[in-house]
Amino acid sequence: IAGAAGADLLCYITPAEHLGLPTPRQV
């Protein structure tokens, strides 16, 4: 939604967000 509205760069979020350091697979 943000990108469609005009945001230019999306900082990704992993399944580990708010819980711990992500593994390569989660990245």
PDB file of all heavy atoms in Angstrom:
ATOM      1  N   ILE A   1       0.840  -1.205   0.000  1.00  0.00           N
ATOM      2  CA  ILE A   1       0.000   0.000   0.000  1.00  0.00           C
ATOM      3  C   ILE A   1       0.872   1.251   0.000  1.00  0.00           C
ATOM      4  O   ILE A   1       0.624   2.200  -0.755  1.00  0.00           O
ATOM      5  CB  ILE A   1      -0.943  -0.015   1.215  1.00  0.00           C
ATOM      6  CG1 ILE A   1      -1.942  -1.172   1.081  1.00  0.00           C
ATOM      7  CG2 ILE A   1      -1.677   1.313   1.355  1.00  0.00           C
ATOM      8  CD1 ILE A   1      -2.787  -1.408   2.313  1.00  0.00           C
ATOM      9  N   ALA A   2       1.915   1.266   0.837  1.00  0.00           N
ATOM     10  CA  ALA A   2       2.810   2.427   0.892  1.00  0.00           C
ATOM     11  C   ALA A   2       3.509   2.644  -0.441  1.00  0.00           C
ATOM     12  O   ALA A   2       3.624   3.777  -0.930  1.00  0.00           O
ATOM     13  CB  ALA A   2       3.837   2.245   2.000  1.00  0.00           C
ATOM     14  N   GLY A   3       3.990   1.567  -1.046  1.00  0.00           N
ATOM     15  CA  GLY A   3       4.671   1.684  -2.333  1.00  0.00           C
ATOM     16  C   GLY A   3       3.748   2.201  -3.415  1.00  0.00           C
ATOM     17  O   GLY A   3       4.123   3.060  -4.218  1.00  0.00           O
ATOM     18  N   ALA A   4       2.524   1.692  -3.444  1.00  0.00           N
ATOM     19  CA  ALA A   4       1.561   2.155  -4.441  1.00  0.00           C
ATOM     20  C   ALA A   4       1.234   3.633  -4.251  1.00  0.00           C
ATOM     21  O   ALA A   4       0.962   4.346  -5.214  1.00  0.00           O
ATOM     22  CB  ALA A   4       0.286   1.321  -4.361  1.00  0.00           C
ATOM     23  N   ALA A   5       1.304   4.103  -3.000  1.00  0.00           N
ATOM     24  CA  ALA A   5       1.013   5.506  -2.700  1.00  0.00           C
ATOM     25  C   ALA A   5       2.192   6.425  -2.990  1.00  0.00           C
ATOM     26  O   ALA A   5       2.034   7.642  -2.998  1.00  0.00           O
ATOM     27  CB  ALA A   5       0.605   5.647  -1.237  1.00  0.00           C
ATOM     28  N   GLY A   6       3.398   5.827  -3.210  1.00  0.00           N
ATOM     29  CA  GLY A   6       4.547   6.651  -3.557  1.00  0.00           C
ATOM     30  C   GLY A   6       5.802   6.422  -2.755  1.00  0.00           C
ATOM     31  O   GLY A   6       6.838   7.043  -3.024  1.00  0.00           O
ATOM     32  N   ALA A   7       5.776   5.525  -1.751  1.00  0.00           N
ATOM     33  CA  ALA A   7       7.012   5.193  -1.023  1.00  0.00           C
ATOM     34  C   ALA A   7       8.003   4.564  -2.003  1.00  0.00           C
ATOM     35  O   ALA A   7       7.621   3.822  -2.911  1.00  0.00           O
ATOM     36  CB  ALA A   7       6.720   4.241   0.130  1.00  0.00           C
ATOM     37  N   ASP A   8       9.273   4.853  -1.807  1.00  0.00           N
ATOM     38  CA  ASP A   8      10.283   4.516  -2.817  1.00  0.00           C
ATOM     39  C   ASP A   8      11.189   3.350  -2.442  1.00  0.00           C
ATOM     40  O   ASP A   8      11.664   2.625  -3.316  1.00  0.00           O
ATOM     41  CB  ASP A   8      11.146   5.755  -3.072  1.00  0.00           C
ATOM     42  CG  ASP A   8      10.304   6.965  -3.412  1.00  0.00           C
ATOM     43  OD1 ASP A   8       9.814   7.034  -4.549  1.00  0.00           O
ATOM     44  OD2 ASP A   8      10.122   7.838  -2.540  1.00  0.00           O
ATOM     45  N   LEU A   9      11.455   3.193  -1.143  1.00  0.00           N
ATOM     46  CA  LEU A   9      12.347   2.138  -0.666  1.00  0.00           C
ATOM     47  C   LEU A   9      11.675   1.472   0.520  1.00  0.00           C
ATOM     48  O   LEU A   9      11.318   2.136   1.501  1.00  0.00           O
ATOM     49  CB  LEU A   9      13.700   2.736  -0.255  1.00  0.00           C
ATOM     50  CG  LEU A   9      14.754   1.783   0.327  1.00  0.00           C
ATOM     51  CD1 LEU A   9      15.122   0.683  -0.677  1.00  0.00           C
ATOM     52  CD2 LEU A   9      16.009   2.562   0.729  1.00  0.00           C
ATOM     53  N   LEU A  10      11.487   0.156   0.425  1.00  0.00           N
ATOM     54  CA  LEU A  10      10.814  -0.610   1.465  1.00  0.00           C
ATOM     55  C   LEU A  10      11.839  -1.349   2.297  1.00  0.00           C
ATOM     56  O   LEU A  10      12.611  -2.147   1.760  1.00  0.00           O
ATOM     57  CB  LEU A  10       9.842  -1.625   0.841  1.00  0.00           C
ATOM     58  CG  LEU A  10       8.854  -1.107  -0.202  1.00  0.00           C
ATOM     59  CD1 LEU A  10       8.046  -2.256  -0.777  1.00  0.00           C
ATOM     60  CD2 LEU A  10       7.939  -0.038   0.397  1.00  0.00           C
ATOM     61  N   CYS A  11      11.868  -1.075   3.590  1.00  0.00           N
ATOM     62  CA  CYS A  11      12.755  -1.822   4.473  1.00  0.00           C
ATOM     63  C   CYS A  11      12.033  -3.088   4.902  1.00  0.00           C
ATOM     64  O   CYS A  11      10.991  -3.021   5.556  1.00  0.00           O
ATOM     65  CB  CYS A  11      13.145  -0.978   5.696  1.00  0.00           C
ATOM     66  SG  CYS A  11      14.422  -1.770   6.691  1.00  0.00           S
ATOM     67  N   TYR A  12      12.577  -4.219   4.534  1.00  0.00           N
ATOM     68  CA  TYR A  12      11.894  -5.477   4.772  1.00  0.00           C
ATOM     69  C   TYR A  12      11.786  -5.793   6.254  1.00  0.00           C
ATOM     70  O   TYR A  12      12.458  -5.222   7.110  1.00  0.00           O
ATOM     71  CB  TYR A  12      12.610  -6.606   4.037  1.00  0.00           C
ATOM     72  CG  TYR A  12      13.723  -7.309   4.808  1.00  0.00           C
ATOM     73  CD1 TYR A  12      13.923  -8.682   4.662  1.00  0.00           C
ATOM     74  CD2 TYR A  12      14.565  -6.613   5.666  1.00  0.00           C
ATOM     75  CE1 TYR A  12      14.922  -9.331   5.337  1.00  0.00           C
ATOM     76  CE2 TYR A  12      15.568  -7.271   6.352  1.00  0.00           C
ATOM     77  CZ  TYR A  12      15.747  -8.634   6.192  1.00  0.00           C
ATOM     78  OH  TYR A  12      16.749  -9.273   6.881  1.00  0.00           O
ATOM     79  N   ILE A  13      10.900  -6.722   6.566  1.00  0.00           N
ATOM     80  CA  ILE A  13      10.732  -7.259   7.916  1.00  0.00           C
ATOM     81  C   ILE A  13      10.765  -8.777   7.797  1.00  0.00           C
ATOM     82  O   ILE A  13      10.229  -9.348   6.844  1.00  0.00           O
ATOM     83  CB  ILE A  13       9.397  -6.793   8.526  1.00  0.00           C
ATOM     84  CG1 ILE A  13       9.365  -5.266   8.650  1.00  0.00           C
ATOM     85  CG2 ILE A  13       9.177  -7.431   9.895  1.00  0.00           C
ATOM     86  CD1 ILE A  13       8.024  -4.723   9.086  1.00  0.00           C
ATOM     87  N   THR A  14      11.388  -9.435   8.755  1.00  0.00           N
ATOM     88  CA  THR A  14      11.490 -10.897   8.723  1.00  0.00           C
ATOM     89  C   THR A  14      10.492 -11.515   9.704  1.00  0.00           C
ATOM     90  O   THR A  14       9.913 -10.824  10.540  1.00  0.00           O
ATOM     91  CB  THR A  14      12.904 -11.368   9.092  1.00  0.00           C
ATOM     92  OG1 THR A  14      13.082 -11.257  10.518  1.00  0.00           O
ATOM     93  CG2 THR A  14      13.968 -10.561   8.367  1.00  0.00           C
ATOM     94  N   PRO A  15      10.318 -12.846   9.636  1.00  0.00           N
ATOM     95  CA  PRO A  15       9.461 -13.514  10.624  1.00  0.00           C
ATOM     96  C   PRO A  15       9.970 -13.352  12.059  1.00  0.00           C
ATOM     97  O   PRO A  15       9.204 -13.532  13.009  1.00  0.00           O
ATOM     98  CB  PRO A  15       9.513 -14.988  10.192  1.00  0.00           C
ATOM     99  CG  PRO A  15       9.868 -14.960   8.746  1.00  0.00           C
ATOM    100  CD  PRO A  15      10.783 -13.780   8.590  1.00  0.00           C
ATOM    101  N   ALA A  16      11.258 -12.998  12.212  1.00  0.00           N
ATOM    102  CA  ALA A  16      11.838 -12.859  13.549  1.00  0.00           C
ATOM    103  C   ALA A  16      11.620 -11.479  14.156  1.00  0.00           C
ATOM    104  O   ALA A  16      11.963 -11.256  15.320  1.00  0.00           O
ATOM    105  CB  ALA A  16      13.344 -13.164  13.490  1.00  0.00           C
ATOM    106  N   GLU A  17      11.056 -10.547  13.389  1.00  0.00           N
ATOM    107  CA  GLU A  17      10.841  -9.187  13.892  1.00  0.00           C
ATOM    108  C   GLU A  17      10.091  -9.218  15.220  1.00  0.00           C
ATOM    109  O   GLU A  17       9.115  -9.938  15.386  1.00  0.00           O
ATOM    110  CB  GLU A  17      10.042  -8.375  12.866  1.00  0.00           C
ATOM    111  CG  GLU A  17       9.881  -6.916  13.209  1.00  0.00           C
ATOM    112  CD  GLU A  17      11.130  -6.091  12.931  1.00  0.00           C
ATOM    113  OE1 GLU A  17      12.045  -6.604  12.252  1.00  0.00           O
ATOM    114  OE2 GLU A  17      11.175  -4.938  13.362  1.00  0.00           O
ATOM    115  N   HIS A  18      10.570  -8.456  16.173  1.00  0.00           N
ATOM    116  CA  HIS A  18      10.009  -8.348  17.528  1.00  0.00           C
ATOM    117  C   HIS A  18      10.292  -9.568  18.398  1.00  0.00           C
ATOM    118  O   HIS A  18       9.854  -9.613  19.553  1.00  0.00           O
ATOM    119  CB  HIS A  18       8.497  -8.104  17.506  1.00  0.00           C
ATOM    120  CG  HIS A  18       8.104  -6.841  16.818  1.00  0.00           C
ATOM    121  ND1 HIS A  18       7.366  -6.829  15.660  1.00  0.00           N
ATOM    122  CD2 HIS A  18       8.359  -5.544  17.119  1.00  0.00           C
ATOM    123  CE1 HIS A  18       7.165  -5.573  15.286  1.00  0.00           C
ATOM    124  NE2 HIS A  18       7.767  -4.772  16.148  1.00  0.00           N
ATOM    125  N   LEU A  19      11.011 -10.558  17.850  1.00  0.00           N
ATOM    126  CA  LEU A  19      11.248 -11.792  18.608  1.00  0.00           C
ATOM    127  C   LEU A  19      12.718 -12.156  18.755  1.00  0.00           C
ATOM    128  O   LEU A  19      13.119 -12.738  19.771  1.00  0.00           O
ATOM    129  CB  LEU A  19      10.505 -12.963  17.949  1.00  0.00           C
ATOM    130  CG  LEU A  19       8.977 -12.841  17.881  1.00  0.00           C
ATOM    131  CD1 LEU A  19       8.401 -13.966  17.039  1.00  0.00           C
ATOM    132  CD2 LEU A  19       8.371 -12.851  19.278  1.00  0.00           C
ATOM    133  N   GLY A  20      13.548 -11.859  17.769  1.00  0.00           N
ATOM    134  CA  GLY A  20      14.942 -12.248  17.861  1.00  0.00           C
ATOM    135  C   GLY A  20      15.704 -11.958  16.581  1.00  0.00           C
ATOM    136  O   GLY A  20      15.152 -11.425  15.614  1.00  0.00           O
ATOM    137  N   LEU A  21      16.990 -12.305  16.577  1.00  0.00           N
ATOM    138  CA  LEU A  21      17.845 -12.116  15.403  1.00  0.00           C
ATOM    139  C   LEU A  21      17.442 -13.108  14.319  1.00  0.00           C
ATOM    140  O   LEU A  21      17.344 -14.311  14.591  1.00  0.00           O
ATOM    141  CB  LEU A  21      19.319 -12.320  15.783  1.00  0.00           C
ATOM    142  CG  LEU A  21      20.351 -11.907  14.733  1.00  0.00           C
ATOM    143  CD1 LEU A  21      20.454 -10.378  14.676  1.00  0.00           C
ATOM    144  CD2 LEU A  21      21.719 -12.516  15.055  1.00  0.00           C
ATOM    145  N   PRO A  22      17.209 -12.658  13.090  1.00  0.00           N
ATOM    146  CA  PRO A  22      16.766 -13.589  12.044  1.00  0.00           C
ATOM    147  C   PRO A  22      17.878 -14.507  11.561  1.00  0.00           C
ATOM    148  O   PRO A  22      19.050 -14.137  11.521  1.00  0.00           O
ATOM    149  CB  PRO A  22      16.307 -12.652  10.921  1.00  0.00           C
ATOM    150  CG  PRO A  22      17.124 -11.413  11.111  1.00  0.00           C
ATOM    151  CD  PRO A  22      17.292 -11.267  12.601  1.00  0.00           C
ATOM    152  N   THR A  23      17.491 -15.711  11.191  1.00  0.00           N
ATOM    153  CA  THR A  23      18.391 -16.651  10.541  1.00  0.00           C
ATOM    154  C   THR A  23      18.472 -16.297   9.055  1.00  0.00           C
ATOM    155  O   THR A  23      17.631 -15.539   8.543  1.00  0.00           O
ATOM    156  CB  THR A  23      17.868 -18.085  10.668  1.00  0.00           C
ATOM    157  OG1 THR A  23      16.609 -18.171   9.957  1.00  0.00           O
ATOM    158  CG2 THR A  23      17.655 -18.469  12.129  1.00  0.00           C
ATOM    159  N   PRO A  24      19.450 -16.854   8.339  1.00  0.00           N
ATOM    160  CA  PRO A  24      19.485 -16.620   6.895  1.00  0.00           C
ATOM    161  C   PRO A  24      18.174 -17.003   6.206  1.00  0.00           C
ATOM    162  O   PRO A  24      17.704 -16.296   5.308  1.00  0.00           O
ATOM    163  CB  PRO A  24      20.651 -17.491   6.419  1.00  0.00           C
ATOM    164  CG  PRO A  24      21.592 -17.490   7.590  1.00  0.00           C
ATOM    165  CD  PRO A  24      20.678 -17.546   8.791  1.00  0.00           C
ATOM    166  N   ARG A  25      17.571 -18.105   6.626  1.00  0.00           N
ATOM    167  CA  ARG A  25      16.309 -18.522   6.008  1.00  0.00           C
ATOM    168  C   ARG A  25      15.210 -17.486   6.252  1.00  0.00           C
ATOM    169  O   ARG A  25      14.421 -17.167   5.355  1.00  0.00           O
ATOM    170  CB  ARG A  25      15.879 -19.892   6.559  1.00  0.00           C
ATOM    171  CG  ARG A  25      14.520 -20.370   6.048  1.00  0.00           C
ATOM    172  CD  ARG A  25      14.497 -20.463   4.531  1.00  0.00           C
ATOM    173  NE  ARG A  25      13.133 -20.697   4.025  1.00  0.00           N
ATOM    174  CZ  ARG A  25      12.728 -20.388   2.810  1.00  0.00           C
ATOM    175  NH1 ARG A  25      13.562 -19.829   1.956  1.00  0.00           N
ATOM    176  NH2 ARG A  25      11.502 -20.646   2.439  1.00  0.00           N
ATOM    177  N   GLN A  26      15.158 -16.949   7.457  1.00  0.00           N
ATOM    178  CA  GLN A  26      14.145 -15.934   7.763  1.00  0.00           C
ATOM    179  C   GLN A  26      14.399 -14.639   7.004  1.00  0.00           C
ATOM    180  O   GLN A  26      13.463 -13.947   6.616  1.00  0.00           O
ATOM    181  CB  GLN A  26      14.100 -15.693   9.272  1.00  0.00           C
ATOM    182  CG  GLN A  26      13.507 -16.864  10.041  1.00  0.00           C
ATOM    183  CD  GLN A  26      13.791 -16.807  11.525  1.00  0.00           C
ATOM    184  OE1 GLN A  26      14.704 -16.127  11.985  1.00  0.00           O
ATOM    185  NE2 GLN A  26      13.001 -17.534  12.293  1.00  0.00           N
ATOM    186  N   VAL A  27      15.677 -14.316   6.791  1.00  0.00           N
ATOM    187  CA  VAL A  27      16.016 -13.162   5.959  1.00  0.00           C
ATOM    188  C   VAL A  27      15.459 -13.352   4.551  1.00  0.00           C
ATOM    189  O   VAL A  27      14.860 -12.437   3.973  1.00  0.00           O
ATOM    190  CB  VAL A  27      17.545 -12.950   5.922  1.00  0.00           C
ATOM    191  CG1 VAL A  27      17.944 -12.003   4.791  1.00  0.00           C
ATOM    192  CG2 VAL A  27      18.035 -12.408   7.266  1.00  0.00           C
TER     193      VAL A  27
END
